[in-house]
All heavy atoms as atom14 arrays in JSON, in Angstrom:
{
  "sequence": "LSCVASGLIFSVYNMHWYHQSPGNQRELVATITND",
  "atom14_mask": [
    [1, 1, 1, 1, 1, 1, 1, 1, 0, 0, 0, 0, 0, 0],
    [1, 1, 1, 1, 1, 1, 0, 0, 0, 0, 0, 0, 0, 0],
    [1, 1, 1, 1, 1, 1, 0, 0, 0, 0, 0, 0, 0, 0],
    [1, 1, 1, 1, 1, 1, 1, 0, 0, 0, 0, 0, 0, 0],
    [1, 1, 1, 1, 1, 0, 0, 0, 0, 0, 0, 0, 0, 0],
    [1, 1, 1, 1, 1, 1, 0, 0, 0, 0, 0, 0, 0, 0],
    [1, 1, 1, 1, 0, 0, 0, 0, 0, 0, 0, 0, 0, 0],
    [1, 1, 1, 1, 1, 1, 1, 1, 0, 0, 0, 0, 0, 0],
    [1, 1, 1, 1, 1, 1, 1, 1, 0, 0, 0, 0, 0, 0],
    [1, 1, 1, 1, 1, 1, 1, 1, 1, 1, 1, 0, 0, 0],
    [1, 1, 1, 1, 1, 1, 0, 0, 0, 0, 0, 0, 0, 0],
    [1, 1, 1, 1, 1, 1, 1, 0, 0, 0, 0, 0, 0, 0],
    [1, 1, 1, 1, 1, 1, 1, 1, 1, 1, 1, 1, 0, 0],
    [1, 1, 1, 1, 1, 1, 1, 1, 0, 0, 0, 0, 0, 0],
    [1, 1, 1, 1, 1, 1, 1, 1, 0, 0, 0, 0, 0, 0],
    [1, 1, 1, 1, 1, 1, 1, 1, 1, 1, 0, 0, 0, 0],
    [1, 1, 1, 1, 1, 1, 1, 1, 1, 1, 1, 1, 1, 1],
    [1, 1, 1, 1, 1, 1, 1, 1, 1, 1, 1, 1, 0, 0],
    [1, 1, 1, 1, 1, 1, 1, 1, 1, 1, 0, 0, 0, 0],
    [1, 1, 1, 1, 1, 1, 1, 1, 1, 0, 0, 0, 0, 0],
    [1, 1, 1, 1, 1, 1, 0, 0, 0, 0, 0, 0, 0, 0],
    [1, 1, 1, 1, 1, 1, 1, 0, 0, 0, 0, 0, 0, 0],
    [1, 1, 1, 1, 0, 0, 0, 0, 0, 0, 0, 0, 0, 0],
    [1, 1, 1, 1, 1, 1, 1, 1, 0, 0, 0, 0, 0, 0],
    [1, 1, 1, 1, 1, 1, 1, 1, 1, 0, 0, 0, 0, 0],
    [1, 1, 1, 1, 1, 1, 1, 1, 1, 1, 1, 0, 0, 0],
    [1, 1, 1, 1, 1, 1, 1, 1, 1, 0, 0, 0, 0, 0],
    [1, 1, 1, 1, 1, 1, 1, 1, 0, 0, 0, 0, 0, 0],
    [1, 1, 1, 1, 1, 1, 1, 0, 0, 0, 0, 0, 0, 0],
    [1, 1, 1, 1, 1, 0, 0, 0, 0, 0, 0, 0, 0, 0],
    [1, 1, 1, 1, 1, 1, 1, 0, 0, 0, 0, 0, 0, 0],
    [1, 1, 1, 1, 1, 1, 1, 1, 0, 0, 0, 0, 0, 0],
    [1, 1, 1, 1, 1, 1, 1, 0, 0, 0, 0, 0, 0, 0],
    [1, 1, 1, 1, 1, 1, 1, 1, 0, 0, 0, 0, 0, 0],
    [1, 1, 1, 1, 1, 1, 1, 1, 0, 0, 0, 0, 0, 0]
  ],
  "atom14_positions": [
    [[146.73, 170.32, 145.76], [148.1, 170.61, 146.15], [148.32, 172.12, 146.13], [147.75, 172.83, 145.3], [149.1, 169.94, 145.21], [148.94, 168.44, 144.99], [150.08, 167.92, 144.1], [148.89, 167.69, 146.3], [0.0, 0.0, 0.0], [0.0, 0.0, 0.0], [0.0, 0.0, 0.0], [0.0, 0.0, 0.0], [0.0, 0.0, 0.0], [0.0, 0.0, 0.0]],
    [[149.17, 172.58, 147.03], [149.55, 173.98, 147.08], [151.06, 174.09, 147.05], [151.77, 173.2, 147.53], [149.04, 174.64, 148.37], [147.64, 174.58, 148.47], [0.0, 0.0, 0.0], [0.0, 0.0, 0.0], [0.0, 0.0, 0.0], [0.0, 0.0, 0.0], [0.0, 0.0, 0.0], [0.0, 0.0, 0.0], [0.0, 0.0, 0.0], [0.0, 0.0, 0.0]],
    [[151.53, 175.18, 146.5], [152.97, 175.47, 146.48], [153.12, 176.95, 146.79], [152.7, 177.8, 145.99], [153.56, 175.12, 145.13], [155.27, 175.67, 144.88], [0.0, 0.0, 0.0], [0.0, 0.0, 0.0], [0.0, 0.0, 0.0], [0.0, 0.0, 0.0], [0.0, 0.0, 0.0], [0.0, 0.0, 0.0], [0.0, 0.0, 0.0], [0.0, 0.0, 0.0]],
    [[153.7, 177.21, 147.94], [153.91, 178.6, 148.37], [155.35, 179.0, 148.1], [156.29, 178.29, 148.52], [153.59, 178.77, 149.86], [153.81, 180.21, 150.29], [152.16, 178.33, 150.15], [0.0, 0.0, 0.0], [0.0, 0.0, 0.0], [0.0, 0.0, 0.0], [0.0, 0.0, 0.0], [0.0, 0.0, 0.0], [0.0, 0.0, 0.0], [0.0, 0.0, 0.0]],
    [[155.52, 180.11, 147.41], [156.85, 180.59, 147.05], [157.23, 181.8, 147.89], [156.37, 182.6, 148.28], [156.87, 180.97, 145.57], [0.0, 0.0, 0.0], [0.0, 0.0, 0.0], [0.0, 0.0, 0.0], [0.0, 0.0, 0.0], [0.0, 0.0, 0.0], [0.0, 0.0, 0.0], [0.0, 0.0, 0.0], [0.0, 0.0, 0.0], [0.0, 0.0, 0.0]],
    [[158.52, 181.91, 148.16], [159.04, 183.08, 148.86], [160.41, 183.4, 148.31], [161.09, 182.54, 147.73], [159.1, 182.83, 150.37], [159.94, 181.73, 150.66], [0.0, 0.0, 0.0], [0.0, 0.0, 0.0], [0.0, 0.0, 0.0], [0.0, 0.0, 0.0], [0.0, 0.0, 0.0], [0.0, 0.0, 0.0], [0.0, 0.0, 0.0], [0.0, 0.0, 0.0]],
    [[160.81, 184.67, 148.48], [162.13, 185.07, 148.04], [162.24, 185.38, 146.56], [163.37, 185.5, 146.03], [0.0, 0.0, 0.0], [0.0, 0.0, 0.0], [0.0, 0.0, 0.0], [0.0, 0.0, 0.0], [0.0, 0.0, 0.0], [0.0, 0.0, 0.0], [0.0, 0.0, 0.0], [0.0, 0.0, 0.0], [0.0, 0.0, 0.0], [0.0, 0.0, 0.0]],
    [[161.12, 185.5, 145.87], [161.14, 185.85, 144.46], [159.91, 186.69, 144.13], [158.98, 186.77, 144.93], [161.17, 184.58, 143.59], [160.16, 183.44, 143.83], [158.75, 183.79, 143.39], [160.62, 182.18, 143.14], [0.0, 0.0, 0.0], [0.0, 0.0, 0.0], [0.0, 0.0, 0.0], [0.0, 0.0, 0.0], [0.0, 0.0, 0.0], [0.0, 0.0, 0.0]],
    [[159.96, 187.33, 142.96], [158.8, 188.1, 142.5], [157.87, 187.12, 141.8], [157.98, 186.86, 140.6], [159.23, 189.24, 141.58], [160.24, 190.14, 142.31], [158.02, 190.05, 141.13], [160.85, 191.21, 141.42], [0.0, 0.0, 0.0], [0.0, 0.0, 0.0], [0.0, 0.0, 0.0], [0.0, 0.0, 0.0], [0.0, 0.0, 0.0], [0.0, 0.0, 0.0]],
    [[156.97, 186.55, 142.56], [156.17, 185.42, 142.12], [155.42, 185.71, 140.81], [155.34, 184.86, 139.94], [155.18, 185.05, 143.22], [154.3, 183.86, 142.91], [154.81, 182.57, 142.99], [152.98, 184.05, 142.53], [154.01, 181.48, 142.71], [152.17, 182.96, 142.24], [152.68, 181.66, 142.34], [0.0, 0.0, 0.0], [0.0, 0.0, 0.0], [0.0, 0.0, 0.0]],
    [[154.9, 186.91, 140.66], [154.0, 187.2, 139.55], [154.68, 187.09, 138.19], [153.99, 186.9, 137.17], [153.38, 188.59, 139.71], [154.38, 189.58, 139.74], [0.0, 0.0, 0.0], [0.0, 0.0, 0.0], [0.0, 0.0, 0.0], [0.0, 0.0, 0.0], [0.0, 0.0, 0.0], [0.0, 0.0, 0.0], [0.0, 0.0, 0.0], [0.0, 0.0, 0.0]],
    [[155.99, 187.2, 138.12], [156.66, 187.14, 136.82], [157.04, 185.72, 136.41], [157.43, 185.48, 135.28], [157.92, 188.03, 136.77], [157.57, 189.46, 137.18], [159.05, 187.48, 137.6], [0.0, 0.0, 0.0], [0.0, 0.0, 0.0], [0.0, 0.0, 0.0], [0.0, 0.0, 0.0], [0.0, 0.0, 0.0], [0.0, 0.0, 0.0], [0.0, 0.0, 0.0]],
    [[156.93, 184.8, 137.36], [157.36, 183.43, 137.1], [156.26, 182.59, 136.47], [155.09, 182.68, 136.87], [157.82, 182.76, 138.38], [159.22, 183.13, 138.8], [159.49, 184.38, 139.36], [160.28, 182.26, 138.6], [160.78, 184.73, 139.71], [161.57, 182.59, 138.96], [161.81, 183.84, 139.52], [163.1, 184.19, 139.87], [0.0, 0.0, 0.0], [0.0, 0.0, 0.0]],
    [[156.65, 181.78, 135.5], [155.81, 180.69, 135.06], [155.93, 179.57, 136.1], [157.03, 179.3, 136.59], [156.25, 180.17, 133.7], [156.21, 181.24, 132.64], [155.26, 182.0, 132.56], [157.26, 181.32, 131.84], [0.0, 0.0, 0.0], [0.0, 0.0, 0.0], [0.0, 0.0, 0.0], [0.0, 0.0, 0.0], [0.0, 0.0, 0.0], [0.0, 0.0, 0.0]],
    [[154.82, 178.95, 136.41], [154.81, 177.92, 137.45], [154.4, 176.58, 136.84], [153.48, 176.5, 136.02], [153.85, 178.3, 138.57], [154.21, 179.59, 139.28], [155.83, 179.55, 140.06], [155.61, 178.24, 141.27], [0.0, 0.0, 0.0], [0.0, 0.0, 0.0], [0.0, 0.0, 0.0], [0.0, 0.0, 0.0], [0.0, 0.0, 0.0], [0.0, 0.0, 0.0]],
    [[155.08, 175.54, 137.28], [154.88, 174.21, 136.72], [154.69, 173.19, 137.83], [155.28, 173.32, 138.9], [156.1, 173.79, 135.88], [156.55, 174.82, 134.9], [155.99, 174.95, 133.63], [157.51, 175.77, 134.97], [156.58, 175.91, 132.98], [157.53, 176.44, 133.76], [0.0, 0.0, 0.0], [0.0, 0.0, 0.0], [0.0, 0.0, 0.0], [0.0, 0.0, 0.0]],
    [[153.9, 172.16, 137.52], [153.78, 171.0, 138.39], [154.31, 169.78, 137.65], [153.95, 169.55, 136.49], [152.33, 170.74, 138.78], [151.79, 171.68, 139.82], [151.02, 172.78, 139.6], [151.98, 171.58, 141.23], [150.72, 173.38, 140.8], [151.3, 172.66, 141.81], [152.66, 170.68, 142.06], [151.26, 172.87, 143.2], [152.64, 170.89, 143.43], [151.94, 171.97, 143.99]],
    [[155.16, 169.03, 138.35], [155.74, 167.8, 137.82], [155.3, 166.62, 138.68], [155.09, 166.75, 139.88], [157.26, 167.88, 137.82], [157.87, 168.74, 136.74], [157.85, 170.13, 136.84], [158.48, 168.17, 135.62], [158.4, 170.92, 135.85], [159.05, 168.96, 134.64], [159.02, 170.33, 134.76], [159.58, 171.11, 133.78], [0.0, 0.0, 0.0], [0.0, 0.0, 0.0]],
    [[155.26, 165.47, 138.03], [154.93, 164.21, 138.7], [156.06, 163.22, 138.48], [156.56, 163.08, 137.35], [153.63, 163.64, 138.11], [153.31, 162.25, 138.54], [152.93, 161.27, 137.64], [153.3, 161.67, 139.77], [152.69, 160.15, 138.31], [152.91, 160.37, 139.6], [0.0, 0.0, 0.0], [0.0, 0.0, 0.0], [0.0, 0.0, 0.0], [0.0, 0.0, 0.0]],
    [[156.48, 162.58, 139.55], [157.49, 161.53, 139.44], [157.0, 160.29, 140.16], [156.82, 160.28, 141.38], [158.82, 161.98, 140.03], [159.94, 160.98, 139.8], [161.31, 161.54, 140.15], [161.43, 162.5, 140.91], [162.34, 160.98, 139.57], [0.0, 0.0, 0.0], [0.0, 0.0, 0.0], [0.0, 0.0, 0.0], [0.0, 0.0, 0.0], [0.0, 0.0, 0.0]],
    [[156.74, 159.25, 139.39], [156.34, 157.98, 139.98], [157.59, 157.13, 140.21], [158.63, 157.36, 139.58], [155.35, 157.26, 139.07], [155.86, 157.11, 137.78], [0.0, 0.0, 0.0], [0.0, 0.0, 0.0], [0.0, 0.0, 0.0], [0.0, 0.0, 0.0], [0.0, 0.0, 0.0], [0.0, 0.0, 0.0], [0.0, 0.0, 0.0], [0.0, 0.0, 0.0]],
    [[157.51, 156.17, 141.12], [158.7, 155.38, 141.47], [159.35, 154.74, 140.25], [158.67, 154.1, 139.44], [158.13, 154.32, 142.43], [156.95, 154.98, 143.04], [156.35, 155.82, 141.94], [0.0, 0.0, 0.0], [0.0, 0.0, 0.0], [0.0, 0.0, 0.0], [0.0, 0.0, 0.0], [0.0, 0.0, 0.0], [0.0, 0.0, 0.0], [0.0, 0.0, 0.0]],
    [[160.65, 154.94, 140.12], [161.41, 154.33, 139.04], [161.32, 155.08, 137.72], [161.88, 154.62, 136.72], [0.0, 0.0, 0.0], [0.0, 0.0, 0.0], [0.0, 0.0, 0.0], [0.0, 0.0, 0.0], [0.0, 0.0, 0.0], [0.0, 0.0, 0.0], [0.0, 0.0, 0.0], [0.0, 0.0, 0.0], [0.0, 0.0, 0.0], [0.0, 0.0, 0.0]],
    [[160.63, 156.2, 137.7], [160.45, 156.95, 136.45], [161.0, 158.36, 136.56], [161.28, 158.86, 137.66], [158.96, 157.01, 136.09], [158.42, 155.66, 135.71], [158.97, 154.97, 134.85], [157.34, 155.27, 136.35], [0.0, 0.0, 0.0], [0.0, 0.0, 0.0], [0.0, 0.0, 0.0], [0.0, 0.0, 0.0], [0.0, 0.0, 0.0], [0.0, 0.0, 0.0]],
    [[161.14, 158.98, 135.4], [161.62, 160.35, 135.38], [160.5, 161.31, 135.78], [159.31, 161.0, 135.69], [162.12, 160.71, 133.97], [163.39, 160.01, 133.57], [163.94, 160.52, 132.26], [163.19, 160.96, 131.38], [165.24, 160.48, 132.09], [0.0, 0.0, 0.0], [0.0, 0.0, 0.0], [0.0, 0.0, 0.0], [0.0, 0.0, 0.0], [0.0, 0.0, 0.0]],
    [[160.93, 162.47, 136.2], [159.98, 163.53, 136.52], [159.34, 164.03, 135.23], [160.03, 164.31, 134.26], [160.74, 164.65, 137.22], [159.94, 165.54, 138.11], [160.85, 166.46, 138.88], [161.61, 165.77, 139.93], [162.33, 166.41, 140.84], [162.37, 167.72, 140.84], [162.99, 165.71, 141.75], [0.0, 0.0, 0.0], [0.0, 0.0, 0.0], [0.0, 0.0, 0.0]],
    [[158.01, 164.12, 135.23], [157.28, 164.54, 134.04], [156.43, 165.77, 134.33], [155.78, 165.84, 135.38], [156.38, 163.41, 133.54], [157.12, 162.17, 133.07], [156.18, 161.11, 132.54], [155.0, 161.1, 132.9], [156.64, 160.26, 131.74], [0.0, 0.0, 0.0], [0.0, 0.0, 0.0], [0.0, 0.0, 0.0], [0.0, 0.0, 0.0], [0.0, 0.0, 0.0]],
    [[156.4, 166.67, 133.36], [155.57, 167.86, 133.49], [154.11, 167.49, 133.3], [153.76, 166.83, 132.32], [155.98, 168.89, 132.44], [155.22, 170.2, 132.42], [155.41, 170.99, 133.7], [155.64, 171.03, 131.2], [0.0, 0.0, 0.0], [0.0, 0.0, 0.0], [0.0, 0.0, 0.0], [0.0, 0.0, 0.0], [0.0, 0.0, 0.0], [0.0, 0.0, 0.0]],
    [[153.26, 167.91, 134.23], [151.83, 167.63, 134.11], [150.98, 168.87, 133.92], [149.9, 168.79, 133.33], [151.29, 166.8, 135.3], [151.94, 165.43, 135.36], [151.46, 167.53, 136.62], [0.0, 0.0, 0.0], [0.0, 0.0, 0.0], [0.0, 0.0, 0.0], [0.0, 0.0, 0.0], [0.0, 0.0, 0.0], [0.0, 0.0, 0.0], [0.0, 0.0, 0.0]],
    [[151.43, 170.03, 134.42], [150.63, 171.24, 134.27], [151.52, 172.47, 134.39], [152.5, 172.46, 135.13], [149.53, 171.29, 135.33], [0.0, 0.0, 0.0], [0.0, 0.0, 0.0], [0.0, 0.0, 0.0], [0.0, 0.0, 0.0], [0.0, 0.0, 0.0], [0.0, 0.0, 0.0], [0.0, 0.0, 0.0], [0.0, 0.0, 0.0], [0.0, 0.0, 0.0]],
    [[151.12, 173.49, 133.64], [151.82, 174.77, 133.64], [150.81, 175.89, 133.71], [149.74, 175.81, 133.07], [152.65, 174.92, 132.36], [153.73, 173.99, 132.38], [153.2, 176.33, 132.21], [0.0, 0.0, 0.0], [0.0, 0.0, 0.0], [0.0, 0.0, 0.0], [0.0, 0.0, 0.0], [0.0, 0.0, 0.0], [0.0, 0.0, 0.0], [0.0, 0.0, 0.0]],
    [[151.15, 176.93, 134.45], [150.4, 178.18, 134.38], [151.43, 179.3, 134.2], [152.36, 179.42, 134.99], [149.47, 178.4, 135.59], [148.63, 179.67, 135.39], [150.23, 178.41, 136.9], [147.43, 179.75, 136.34], [0.0, 0.0, 0.0], [0.0, 0.0, 0.0], [0.0, 0.0, 0.0], [0.0, 0.0, 0.0], [0.0, 0.0, 0.0], [0.0, 0.0, 0.0]],
    [[151.25, 180.06, 133.15], [152.22, 181.1, 132.85], [151.97, 182.35, 133.69], [150.98, 182.45, 134.42], [152.16, 181.47, 131.36], [150.86, 182.02, 131.08], [152.39, 180.25, 130.48], [0.0, 0.0, 0.0], [0.0, 0.0, 0.0], [0.0, 0.0, 0.0], [0.0, 0.0, 0.0], [0.0, 0.0, 0.0], [0.0, 0.0, 0.0], [0.0, 0.0, 0.0]],
    [[152.88, 183.3, 133.55], [152.73, 184.53, 134.33], [151.52, 185.35, 133.88], [151.05, 186.19, 134.63], [154.0, 185.36, 134.3], [154.5, 185.66, 132.9], [153.78, 185.49, 131.93], [155.75, 186.08, 132.81], [0.0, 0.0, 0.0], [0.0, 0.0, 0.0], [0.0, 0.0, 0.0], [0.0, 0.0, 0.0], [0.0, 0.0, 0.0], [0.0, 0.0, 0.0]],
    [[151.03, 185.08, 132.67], [149.8, 185.75, 132.24], [148.61, 184.78, 132.25], [147.61, 185.01, 131.56], [149.96, 186.4, 130.86], [150.28, 185.39, 129.78], [150.45, 184.2, 130.08], [150.34, 185.79, 128.6], [0.0, 0.0, 0.0], [0.0, 0.0, 0.0], [0.0, 0.0, 0.0], [0.0, 0.0, 0.0], [0.0, 0.0, 0.0], [0.0, 0.0, 0.0]]
  ]
}
């Protein structure tokens, strides 16, 4: 999967991936910090 960001200073942001299966809440699966 890819996620392209625009309109922000990307390098300072922590980036997260969430998963939501049918009928369930969105859950955090992976994070990569700005460092």
